[in-house]
Amino acid sequence: MSWLTVDEAARLLRVNVSWLYERTRLNEVPHIKLGKYLRFDQDELLTWVRQFRRDGRGRDAVHHHHPAPNERARSPKG
């Protein structure tokens, strides 16, 4: 377990410190508060950020299947 300060966590995520403070205030990012100090578990933070990864195909790509050129519609035999 590697604990990060606010500055270190912001650098890791490449965001402004003010953005990270706001997300912790809203309890949107995993953190702990030790008195007046905020700390972030590096592994937990990286796991959290991975949930926002997108594949770049857009929102509609999940809902529509476009068959590949070699795919053919087959009728059931029977």
N, C-alpha and C. Protein backbone atom coordinates (compact mmCIF):
# COMPACT_ATOMS: atom_id res chain seq x y z
N MET A 1 0.85 -1.18 0.00
CA MET A 1 0.00 0.00 0.00
C MET A 1 0.89 1.24 0.00
N SER A 2 0.66 2.08 -0.98
CA SER A 2 1.44 3.31 -1.11
C SER A 2 0.51 4.51 -0.98
N TRP A 3 0.70 5.29 0.07
CA TRP A 3 -0.16 6.45 0.33
C TRP A 3 0.38 7.67 -0.39
N LEU A 4 -0.52 8.42 -1.03
CA LEU A 4 -0.16 9.62 -1.76
C LEU A 4 -0.78 10.84 -1.10
N THR A 5 -0.08 11.96 -1.18
CA THR A 5 -0.65 13.24 -0.75
C THR A 5 -1.56 13.76 -1.86
N VAL A 6 -2.25 14.84 -1.60
CA VAL A 6 -3.11 15.45 -2.62
C VAL A 6 -2.28 15.85 -3.84
N ASP A 7 -1.15 16.46 -3.62
CA ASP A 7 -0.30 16.89 -4.74
C ASP A 7 0.18 15.69 -5.56
N GLU A 8 0.59 14.63 -4.87
CA GLU A 8 1.07 13.43 -5.57
C GLU A 8 -0.05 12.76 -6.36
N ALA A 9 -1.23 12.67 -5.75
CA ALA A 9 -2.37 12.05 -6.42
C ALA A 9 -2.79 12.87 -7.63
N ALA A 10 -2.80 14.18 -7.50
CA ALA A 10 -3.16 15.05 -8.62
C ALA A 10 -2.16 14.89 -9.77
N ARG A 11 -0.87 14.80 -9.43
CA ARG A 11 0.14 14.57 -10.48
C ARG A 11 -0.06 13.22 -11.14
N LEU A 12 -0.35 12.20 -10.36
CA LEU A 12 -0.57 10.86 -10.91
C LEU A 12 -1.73 10.87 -11.90
N LEU A 13 -2.81 11.54 -11.53
CA LEU A 13 -4.01 11.59 -12.37
C LEU A 13 -3.92 12.68 -13.44
N ARG A 14 -2.92 13.54 -13.31
CA ARG A 14 -2.73 14.68 -14.22
C ARG A 14 -3.96 15.59 -14.22
N VAL A 15 -4.39 15.94 -13.02
CA VAL A 15 -5.51 16.87 -12.82
C VAL A 15 -5.05 17.97 -11.88
N ASN A 16 -5.81 19.05 -11.85
CA ASN A 16 -5.52 20.13 -10.92
C ASN A 16 -5.84 19.69 -9.49
N VAL A 17 -5.08 20.19 -8.56
CA VAL A 17 -5.32 19.89 -7.14
C VAL A 17 -6.73 20.33 -6.75
N SER A 18 -7.17 21.47 -7.27
CA SER A 18 -8.51 21.97 -6.94
C SER A 18 -9.59 21.00 -7.41
N TRP A 19 -9.38 20.36 -8.57
CA TRP A 19 -10.33 19.37 -9.07
C TRP A 19 -10.40 18.18 -8.11
N LEU A 20 -9.23 17.74 -7.65
CA LEU A 20 -9.17 16.59 -6.74
C LEU A 20 -9.79 16.93 -5.38
N TYR A 21 -9.54 18.13 -4.87
CA TYR A 21 -10.18 18.54 -3.62
C TYR A 21 -11.71 18.53 -3.76
N GLU A 22 -12.21 19.03 -4.89
CA GLU A 22 -13.66 19.07 -5.10
C GLU A 22 -14.23 17.65 -5.15
N ARG A 23 -13.54 16.73 -5.82
CA ARG A 23 -14.03 15.36 -5.91
C ARG A 23 -13.99 14.66 -4.55
N THR A 24 -13.03 14.96 -3.73
CA THR A 24 -13.00 14.36 -2.39
C THR A 24 -14.10 14.98 -1.52
N ARG A 25 -14.34 16.27 -1.69
CA ARG A 25 -15.41 16.93 -0.94
C ARG A 25 -16.76 16.30 -1.26
N LEU A 26 -16.95 15.93 -2.53
CA LEU A 26 -18.19 15.29 -2.97
C LEU A 26 -18.17 13.78 -2.74
N ASN A 27 -17.08 13.28 -2.19
CA ASN A 27 -16.89 11.85 -1.91
C ASN A 27 -16.99 11.01 -3.18
N GLU A 28 -16.45 11.53 -4.28
CA GLU A 28 -16.48 10.83 -5.56
C GLU A 28 -15.20 10.06 -5.85
N VAL A 29 -14.16 10.32 -5.12
CA VAL A 29 -12.88 9.67 -5.35
C VAL A 29 -12.45 8.98 -4.05
N PRO A 30 -11.90 7.77 -4.13
CA PRO A 30 -11.52 7.07 -2.89
C PRO A 30 -10.38 7.79 -2.18
N HIS A 31 -10.57 8.01 -0.90
CA HIS A 31 -9.56 8.72 -0.09
C HIS A 31 -9.83 8.44 1.38
N ILE A 32 -8.87 8.81 2.20
CA ILE A 32 -9.08 8.80 3.65
C ILE A 32 -8.69 10.17 4.17
N LYS A 33 -9.25 10.52 5.29
CA LYS A 33 -8.93 11.80 5.91
C LYS A 33 -8.36 11.51 7.29
N LEU A 34 -7.15 11.95 7.50
CA LEU A 34 -6.47 11.80 8.80
C LEU A 34 -6.36 13.18 9.41
N GLY A 35 -7.35 13.53 10.23
CA GLY A 35 -7.38 14.89 10.74
C GLY A 35 -7.62 15.84 9.59
N LYS A 36 -6.69 16.76 9.37
CA LYS A 36 -6.83 17.70 8.26
C LYS A 36 -6.13 17.22 7.00
N TYR A 37 -5.54 16.04 7.04
CA TYR A 37 -4.77 15.53 5.90
C TYR A 37 -5.56 14.53 5.08
N LEU A 38 -5.53 14.70 3.75
CA LEU A 38 -6.12 13.73 2.83
C LEU A 38 -5.03 12.82 2.33
N ARG A 39 -5.35 11.54 2.22
CA ARG A 39 -4.40 10.58 1.66
C ARG A 39 -5.15 9.67 0.69
N PHE A 40 -4.43 9.21 -0.31
CA PHE A 40 -4.99 8.38 -1.37
C PHE A 40 -4.12 7.14 -1.52
N ASP A 41 -4.76 5.97 -1.51
CA ASP A 41 -4.04 4.73 -1.75
C ASP A 41 -3.83 4.64 -3.27
N GLN A 42 -2.59 4.55 -3.70
CA GLN A 42 -2.27 4.59 -5.12
C GLN A 42 -2.99 3.49 -5.90
N ASP A 43 -2.95 2.27 -5.42
CA ASP A 43 -3.61 1.16 -6.13
C ASP A 43 -5.12 1.36 -6.21
N GLU A 44 -5.71 1.80 -5.12
CA GLU A 44 -7.15 2.04 -5.10
C GLU A 44 -7.53 3.16 -6.05
N LEU A 45 -6.72 4.19 -6.09
CA LEU A 45 -6.97 5.33 -6.98
C LEU A 45 -6.88 4.91 -8.45
N LEU A 46 -5.89 4.10 -8.78
CA LEU A 46 -5.75 3.64 -10.16
C LEU A 46 -6.88 2.69 -10.56
N THR A 47 -7.33 1.87 -9.63
CA THR A 47 -8.49 1.00 -9.90
C THR A 47 -9.73 1.85 -10.14
N TRP A 48 -9.91 2.88 -9.32
CA TRP A 48 -11.06 3.77 -9.46
C TRP A 48 -11.06 4.46 -10.83
N VAL A 49 -9.91 4.95 -11.25
CA VAL A 49 -9.85 5.71 -12.50
C VAL A 49 -10.07 4.82 -13.72
N ARG A 50 -9.75 3.54 -13.62
CA ARG A 50 -9.94 2.61 -14.76
C ARG A 50 -11.41 2.45 -15.13
N GLN A 51 -12.31 2.69 -14.20
CA GLN A 51 -13.73 2.54 -14.52
C GLN A 51 -14.20 3.56 -15.56
N PHE A 52 -13.41 4.61 -15.77
CA PHE A 52 -13.79 5.64 -16.72
C PHE A 52 -13.20 5.42 -18.10
N ARG A 53 -12.45 4.35 -18.27
CA ARG A 53 -11.82 4.06 -19.56
C ARG A 53 -12.89 3.76 -20.60
N ARG A 54 -12.69 4.29 -21.78
CA ARG A 54 -13.60 4.06 -22.90
C ARG A 54 -12.80 3.47 -24.05
N ASP A 55 -13.49 2.73 -24.91
CA ASP A 55 -12.79 2.09 -26.02
C ASP A 55 -12.71 2.97 -27.26
N GLY A 56 -13.35 4.14 -27.25
CA GLY A 56 -13.25 5.06 -28.37
C GLY A 56 -14.24 4.81 -29.48
N ARG A 57 -15.12 3.82 -29.32
CA ARG A 57 -16.08 3.51 -30.39
C ARG A 57 -17.37 4.30 -30.24
N GLY A 58 -17.52 5.06 -29.20
CA GLY A 58 -18.73 5.84 -29.03
C GLY A 58 -19.81 5.09 -28.29
N ARG A 59 -20.77 5.82 -27.82
CA ARG A 59 -21.84 5.26 -27.00
C ARG A 59 -22.71 4.28 -27.78
N ASP A 60 -23.01 4.56 -29.05
CA ASP A 60 -23.90 3.71 -29.83
C ASP A 60 -23.27 2.39 -30.23
N ALA A 61 -21.96 2.29 -30.22
CA ALA A 61 -21.29 1.06 -30.64
C ALA A 61 -21.68 -0.13 -29.77
N VAL A 62 -22.03 0.12 -28.54
CA VAL A 62 -22.39 -0.95 -27.62
C VAL A 62 -23.75 -1.55 -28.01
N HIS A 63 -24.63 -0.73 -28.54
CA HIS A 63 -26.00 -1.16 -28.80
C HIS A 63 -26.22 -1.72 -30.20
N HIS A 64 -25.34 -1.46 -31.13
CA HIS A 64 -25.54 -1.88 -32.51
C HIS A 64 -24.45 -2.86 -32.92
N HIS A 65 -24.87 -3.96 -33.49
CA HIS A 65 -23.91 -4.94 -34.00
C HIS A 65 -23.93 -4.85 -35.52
N HIS A 66 -22.77 -4.55 -36.09
CA HIS A 66 -22.63 -4.52 -37.53
C HIS A 66 -21.82 -5.74 -37.93
N PRO A 67 -22.44 -6.67 -38.66
CA PRO A 67 -21.72 -7.90 -38.99
C PRO A 67 -20.50 -7.62 -39.86
N ALA A 68 -19.50 -8.40 -39.64
CA ALA A 68 -18.30 -8.31 -40.46
C ALA A 68 -18.64 -8.79 -41.86
N PRO A 69 -17.88 -8.38 -42.88
CA PRO A 69 -18.20 -8.77 -44.25
C PRO A 69 -18.28 -10.29 -44.45
N ASN A 70 -17.56 -11.07 -43.69
CA ASN A 70 -17.59 -12.52 -43.88
C ASN A 70 -18.70 -13.20 -43.09
N GLU A 71 -19.45 -12.44 -42.28
CA GLU A 71 -20.57 -13.02 -41.54
C GLU A 71 -21.79 -13.09 -42.45
N ARG A 72 -22.48 -14.21 -42.43
CA ARG A 72 -23.68 -14.37 -43.26
C ARG A 72 -24.83 -14.81 -42.39
N ALA A 73 -26.00 -14.33 -42.72
CA ALA A 73 -27.20 -14.74 -42.00
C ALA A 73 -27.49 -16.18 -42.39
N ARG A 74 -27.73 -16.99 -41.41
CA ARG A 74 -28.03 -18.40 -41.67
C ARG A 74 -29.41 -18.73 -41.13
N SER A 75 -30.16 -19.45 -41.88
CA SER A 75 -31.48 -19.88 -41.38
C SER A 75 -31.29 -21.20 -40.66
N PRO A 76 -32.06 -21.43 -39.64
CA PRO A 76 -31.94 -22.70 -38.89
C PRO A 76 -32.30 -23.87 -39.76
N LYS A 77 -31.56 -24.95 -39.63
CA LYS A 77 -31.86 -26.16 -40.39
C LYS A 77 -32.87 -26.98 -39.61
N GLY A 78 -33.75 -27.62 -40.30
CA GLY A 78 -34.65 -28.40 -39.54
C GLY A 78 -35.64 -29.07 -40.31
